[in-house]
Amino acid sequence: MPDLKLLTPRECEVLTHLAQGQQNKEIALALGIAEHTVENHLKHIYHKLGVQNRVEAVLLFWKHHGEG
């Protein structure tokens, strides 16, 4: 299983918001960053975790946190 420790603190924040069901625009507003920046973080998260999309990333997040 990919290690979530590979993620930066900001990527972890983005993934946490993603796991709460927030869309990119909502994540951007919550973190005070541009939506484009959220998209960049998501690309990095997907690459580091070896997933293809937000659903796979969230499933991995919940599996890692024992709630999936």
N, C-alpha and C. Protein backbone atom coordinates (compact mmCIF):
# COMPACT_ATOMS: atom_id res chain seq x y z
N MET A 1 0.86 -1.19 0.00
CA MET A 1 0.00 0.00 0.00
C MET A 1 0.89 1.24 0.00
N PRO A 2 0.56 2.22 -0.82
CA PRO A 2 1.33 3.47 -0.82
C PRO A 2 1.27 4.13 0.55
N ASP A 3 2.34 4.80 0.89
CA ASP A 3 2.46 5.42 2.21
C ASP A 3 2.01 6.88 2.15
N LEU A 4 1.03 7.22 2.94
CA LEU A 4 0.56 8.61 2.99
C LEU A 4 1.62 9.54 3.55
N LYS A 5 2.65 9.00 4.18
CA LYS A 5 3.74 9.82 4.71
C LYS A 5 4.56 10.45 3.59
N LEU A 6 4.37 9.98 2.35
CA LEU A 6 5.05 10.58 1.20
C LEU A 6 4.50 11.96 0.88
N LEU A 7 3.31 12.26 1.38
CA LEU A 7 2.65 13.52 1.07
C LEU A 7 3.18 14.65 1.94
N THR A 8 3.20 15.85 1.36
CA THR A 8 3.56 17.03 2.13
C THR A 8 2.41 17.37 3.09
N PRO A 9 2.68 18.18 4.10
CA PRO A 9 1.59 18.59 4.99
C PRO A 9 0.41 19.23 4.23
N ARG A 10 0.70 20.05 3.23
CA ARG A 10 -0.37 20.70 2.46
C ARG A 10 -1.15 19.66 1.64
N GLU A 11 -0.46 18.70 1.07
CA GLU A 11 -1.14 17.64 0.32
C GLU A 11 -2.04 16.84 1.25
N CYS A 12 -1.59 16.62 2.47
CA CYS A 12 -2.42 15.92 3.46
C CYS A 12 -3.68 16.72 3.77
N GLU A 13 -3.53 18.04 3.88
CA GLU A 13 -4.70 18.89 4.12
C GLU A 13 -5.68 18.79 2.95
N VAL A 14 -5.16 18.85 1.74
CA VAL A 14 -6.03 18.76 0.55
C VAL A 14 -6.73 17.40 0.55
N LEU A 15 -6.00 16.34 0.80
CA LEU A 15 -6.60 15.00 0.80
C LEU A 15 -7.66 14.86 1.89
N THR A 16 -7.42 15.45 3.05
CA THR A 16 -8.41 15.40 4.13
C THR A 16 -9.71 16.09 3.70
N HIS A 17 -9.59 17.25 3.08
CA HIS A 17 -10.79 17.95 2.60
C HIS A 17 -11.47 17.14 1.50
N LEU A 18 -10.68 16.52 0.65
CA LEU A 18 -11.22 15.69 -0.42
C LEU A 18 -12.01 14.53 0.17
N ALA A 19 -11.47 13.92 1.22
CA ALA A 19 -12.13 12.79 1.87
C ALA A 19 -13.43 13.20 2.56
N GLN A 20 -13.57 14.50 2.83
CA GLN A 20 -14.81 15.02 3.42
C GLN A 20 -15.84 15.34 2.35
N GLY A 21 -15.51 15.04 1.09
CA GLY A 21 -16.45 15.22 0.01
C GLY A 21 -16.44 16.60 -0.63
N GLN A 22 -15.45 17.41 -0.31
CA GLN A 22 -15.40 18.76 -0.86
C GLN A 22 -14.89 18.76 -2.30
N GLN A 23 -15.41 19.68 -3.07
CA GLN A 23 -14.96 19.87 -4.44
C GLN A 23 -13.74 20.80 -4.43
N ASN A 24 -13.05 20.86 -5.56
CA ASN A 24 -11.83 21.66 -5.64
C ASN A 24 -12.04 23.11 -5.20
N LYS A 25 -13.13 23.71 -5.63
CA LYS A 25 -13.40 25.11 -5.29
C LYS A 25 -13.57 25.27 -3.78
N GLU A 26 -14.25 24.32 -3.16
CA GLU A 26 -14.46 24.38 -1.71
C GLU A 26 -13.14 24.19 -0.95
N ILE A 27 -12.31 23.30 -1.45
CA ILE A 27 -11.00 23.07 -0.83
C ILE A 27 -10.16 24.35 -0.93
N ALA A 28 -10.19 24.96 -2.11
CA ALA A 28 -9.42 26.19 -2.33
C ALA A 28 -9.86 27.28 -1.35
N LEU A 29 -11.16 27.45 -1.20
CA LEU A 29 -11.67 28.46 -0.27
C LEU A 29 -11.29 28.15 1.17
N ALA A 30 -11.38 26.89 1.55
CA ALA A 30 -11.07 26.49 2.92
C ALA A 30 -9.60 26.71 3.25
N LEU A 31 -8.73 26.49 2.27
CA LEU A 31 -7.29 26.58 2.51
C LEU A 31 -6.70 27.93 2.10
N GLY A 32 -7.53 28.79 1.51
CA GLY A 32 -7.05 30.10 1.11
C GLY A 32 -6.05 30.06 -0.04
N ILE A 33 -6.28 29.13 -0.98
CA ILE A 33 -5.40 28.98 -2.14
C ILE A 33 -6.25 28.99 -3.40
N ALA A 34 -5.60 29.11 -4.54
CA ALA A 34 -6.31 29.11 -5.82
C ALA A 34 -6.78 27.70 -6.18
N GLU A 35 -7.86 27.63 -6.91
CA GLU A 35 -8.38 26.34 -7.35
C GLU A 35 -7.34 25.60 -8.20
N HIS A 36 -6.60 26.34 -9.00
CA HIS A 36 -5.55 25.74 -9.82
C HIS A 36 -4.48 25.09 -8.94
N THR A 37 -4.19 25.70 -7.81
CA THR A 37 -3.22 25.13 -6.87
C THR A 37 -3.73 23.82 -6.29
N VAL A 38 -5.02 23.76 -6.00
CA VAL A 38 -5.63 22.52 -5.52
C VAL A 38 -5.46 21.44 -6.58
N GLU A 39 -5.72 21.78 -7.83
CA GLU A 39 -5.57 20.81 -8.92
C GLU A 39 -4.14 20.30 -9.01
N ASN A 40 -3.16 21.19 -8.83
CA ASN A 40 -1.76 20.77 -8.83
C ASN A 40 -1.45 19.84 -7.67
N HIS A 41 -1.96 20.17 -6.50
CA HIS A 41 -1.76 19.30 -5.34
C HIS A 41 -2.37 17.92 -5.61
N LEU A 42 -3.56 17.90 -6.20
CA LEU A 42 -4.21 16.62 -6.48
C LEU A 42 -3.39 15.78 -7.46
N LYS A 43 -2.83 16.40 -8.48
CA LYS A 43 -1.98 15.67 -9.42
C LYS A 43 -0.80 15.03 -8.69
N HIS A 44 -0.18 15.79 -7.78
CA HIS A 44 0.95 15.26 -7.02
C HIS A 44 0.50 14.12 -6.09
N ILE A 45 -0.65 14.29 -5.46
CA ILE A 45 -1.18 13.27 -4.57
C ILE A 45 -1.44 11.98 -5.36
N TYR A 46 -2.10 12.09 -6.50
CA TYR A 46 -2.40 10.91 -7.31
C TYR A 46 -1.12 10.19 -7.70
N HIS A 47 -0.12 10.96 -8.12
CA HIS A 47 1.15 10.36 -8.55
C HIS A 47 1.84 9.65 -7.38
N LYS A 48 1.93 10.32 -6.24
CA LYS A 48 2.62 9.75 -5.09
C LYS A 48 1.92 8.51 -4.55
N LEU A 49 0.59 8.49 -4.62
CA LEU A 49 -0.18 7.36 -4.09
C LEU A 49 -0.43 6.29 -5.14
N GLY A 50 -0.10 6.57 -6.39
CA GLY A 50 -0.29 5.59 -7.45
C GLY A 50 -1.76 5.34 -7.77
N VAL A 51 -2.55 6.41 -7.69
CA VAL A 51 -3.97 6.31 -8.01
C VAL A 51 -4.29 7.16 -9.24
N GLN A 52 -5.46 6.94 -9.80
CA GLN A 52 -5.85 7.62 -11.03
C GLN A 52 -6.82 8.77 -10.84
N ASN A 53 -7.54 8.79 -9.71
CA ASN A 53 -8.58 9.80 -9.55
C ASN A 53 -8.89 10.03 -8.07
N ARG A 54 -9.80 10.97 -7.83
CA ARG A 54 -10.13 11.36 -6.46
C ARG A 54 -10.81 10.24 -5.69
N VAL A 55 -11.59 9.41 -6.36
CA VAL A 55 -12.26 8.29 -5.68
C VAL A 55 -11.22 7.32 -5.13
N GLU A 56 -10.25 6.95 -5.96
CA GLU A 56 -9.21 6.04 -5.51
C GLU A 56 -8.38 6.66 -4.38
N ALA A 57 -8.11 7.94 -4.47
CA ALA A 57 -7.34 8.62 -3.42
C ALA A 57 -8.10 8.61 -2.10
N VAL A 58 -9.40 8.89 -2.15
CA VAL A 58 -10.22 8.89 -0.93
C VAL A 58 -10.33 7.49 -0.34
N LEU A 59 -10.50 6.48 -1.19
CA LEU A 59 -10.58 5.10 -0.69
C LEU A 59 -9.29 4.71 0.03
N LEU A 60 -8.16 5.11 -0.55
CA LEU A 60 -6.88 4.83 0.08
C LEU A 60 -6.74 5.59 1.40
N PHE A 61 -7.18 6.82 1.42
CA PHE A 61 -7.16 7.63 2.64
C PHE A 61 -7.95 6.93 3.74
N TRP A 62 -9.17 6.51 3.44
CA TRP A 62 -10.01 5.87 4.46
C TRP A 62 -9.45 4.53 4.86
N LYS A 63 -8.88 3.78 3.93
CA LYS A 63 -8.26 2.49 4.27
C LYS A 63 -7.11 2.71 5.24
N HIS A 64 -6.32 3.73 4.99
CA HIS A 64 -5.17 4.04 5.84
C HIS A 64 -5.64 4.47 7.23
N HIS A 65 -6.77 5.14 7.29
CA HIS A 65 -7.29 5.63 8.57
C HIS A 65 -8.25 4.64 9.24
N GLY A 66 -8.35 3.44 8.69
CA GLY A 66 -9.14 2.38 9.32
C GLY A 66 -10.63 2.57 9.28
N GLU A 67 -11.10 3.42 8.34
CA GLU A 67 -12.55 3.64 8.27
C GLU A 67 -13.09 3.29 6.89
N GLY A 68 -12.34 2.58 6.11
CA GLY A 68 -12.76 2.25 4.76
C GLY A 68 -13.13 0.83 4.60
